[in-house]
Amino acid sequence: MDGAGSSEHRERARRAQQLSDRASERAYGEREAAERSERVMAEAADPALADLHRQAAELHREALQRYEEAAQLQQLHAEHERRAAERAEDPESRGG
């Protein structure tokens, strides 16, 4: 235990949840951008233009994956902090 009280753990959990939510929103935006690039790529008559959109779609998919990973990590952090807050409120769980 790091000595933090229940309210501090709850605040950390709230911040981690906000970061998770933001990362999820950004992941959604990257998914939409990748899909747009893929549609334009499929419709492009110029092979060079199609290749540019293919590359853009790949980059958006990579960003999507990173944002999803970040969202999951922050969600785990939020859950950990919520459990820590519960332990800080319950003296029995600390052996007291």
Protein backbone atom coordinates (compact mmCIF):
# COMPACT_ATOMS: atom_id res chain seq x y z
CA MET A 1 0.00 0.00 0.00
CA ASP A 2 1.35 3.46 -0.83
CA GLY A 3 -0.25 5.20 2.15
CA ALA A 4 -2.84 6.97 0.03
CA GLY A 5 -6.30 7.32 1.48
CA SER A 6 -9.54 6.21 -0.01
CA SER A 7 -10.33 9.60 -1.53
CA GLU A 8 -6.94 9.78 -3.23
CA HIS A 9 -7.41 6.32 -4.73
CA ARG A 10 -10.88 7.28 -5.91
CA GLU A 11 -9.47 10.41 -7.55
CA ARG A 12 -6.80 8.34 -9.30
CA ALA A 13 -9.49 5.92 -10.45
CA ARG A 14 -11.57 8.81 -11.80
CA ARG A 15 -8.60 10.23 -13.72
CA ALA A 16 -7.65 6.82 -15.11
CA GLN A 17 -11.25 6.27 -16.21
CA GLN A 18 -11.25 9.65 -17.98
CA LEU A 19 -8.03 8.74 -19.79
CA SER A 20 -9.52 5.39 -20.77
CA ASP A 21 -12.64 7.10 -22.10
CA ARG A 22 -10.57 9.60 -24.10
CA ALA A 23 -8.43 6.86 -25.58
CA SER A 24 -11.59 4.94 -26.56
CA GLU A 25 -12.98 8.05 -28.26
CA ARG A 26 -9.75 8.55 -30.17
CA ALA A 27 -9.72 4.88 -31.15
CA TYR A 28 -13.21 5.35 -32.59
CA GLY A 29 -11.98 8.35 -34.61
CA GLU A 30 -9.01 6.39 -35.92
CA ARG A 31 -11.28 3.51 -36.93
CA GLU A 32 -13.49 5.91 -38.90
CA ALA A 33 -10.45 7.53 -40.53
CA ALA A 34 -9.03 4.14 -41.52
CA GLU A 35 -12.35 3.11 -43.03
CA ARG A 36 -12.56 6.38 -44.99
CA SER A 37 -9.05 5.90 -46.32
CA GLU A 38 -9.87 2.32 -47.29
CA ARG A 39 -12.99 3.46 -49.18
CA VAL A 40 -11.08 6.17 -51.03
CA MET A 41 -8.31 3.67 -51.78
CA ALA A 42 -10.81 1.24 -53.30
CA GLU A 43 -12.38 4.00 -55.40
CA ALA A 44 -9.13 5.68 -56.52
CA ALA A 45 -8.40 5.45 -60.24
CA ASP A 46 -4.81 6.62 -59.79
CA PRO A 47 -2.56 3.86 -58.38
CA ALA A 48 -0.31 6.42 -56.63
CA LEU A 49 -3.33 7.96 -54.90
CA ALA A 50 -4.61 4.53 -53.94
CA ASP A 51 -1.23 3.70 -52.43
CA LEU A 52 -1.22 6.92 -50.39
CA HIS A 53 -4.63 6.06 -48.98
CA ARG A 54 -3.49 2.50 -48.28
CA GLN A 55 -0.57 3.89 -46.27
CA ALA A 56 -2.87 6.30 -44.45
CA ALA A 57 -5.26 3.47 -43.61
CA GLU A 58 -2.36 1.41 -42.22
CA LEU A 59 -1.26 4.31 -40.02
CA HIS A 60 -4.80 4.86 -38.78
CA ARG A 61 -5.09 1.14 -37.95
CA GLU A 62 -1.82 1.30 -36.01
CA ALA A 63 -3.04 4.35 -34.10
CA LEU A 64 -6.34 2.56 -33.44
CA GLN A 65 -4.46 -0.36 -31.91
CA ARG A 66 -2.36 1.93 -29.68
CA TYR A 67 -5.42 3.85 -28.47
CA GLU A 68 -7.23 0.60 -27.71
CA GLU A 69 -4.21 -0.63 -25.75
CA ALA A 70 -4.06 2.66 -23.85
CA ALA A 71 -7.76 2.47 -23.04
CA GLN A 72 -7.39 -1.06 -21.69
CA LEU A 73 -4.36 -0.12 -19.61
CA GLN A 74 -6.11 2.89 -18.09
CA GLN A 75 -9.20 0.78 -17.41
CA LEU A 76 -7.04 -1.71 -15.51
CA HIS A 77 -5.47 1.17 -13.59
CA ALA A 78 -8.91 2.54 -12.69
CA GLU A 79 -10.04 -0.87 -11.45
CA HIS A 80 -6.87 -1.24 -9.37
CA GLU A 81 -7.38 2.18 -7.79
CA ARG A 82 -11.03 1.41 -7.00
CA ARG A 83 -9.97 -1.79 -5.24
CA ALA A 84 -7.26 0.13 -3.37
CA ALA A 85 -9.88 2.66 -2.26
CA GLU A 86 -12.08 -0.13 -0.96
CA ARG A 87 -9.15 -1.64 0.94
CA ALA A 88 -8.28 1.77 2.41
CA GLU A 89 -11.86 2.08 3.70
CA ASP A 90 -11.91 -1.39 5.22
CA PRO A 91 -9.47 -1.79 8.13
CA GLU A 92 -10.14 -5.56 8.21
CA SER A 93 -8.62 -5.95 4.74
CA ARG A 94 -5.36 -4.40 6.02
CA GLY A 95 -5.05 -6.81 8.89
CA GLY A 96 -6.22 -4.21 11.44
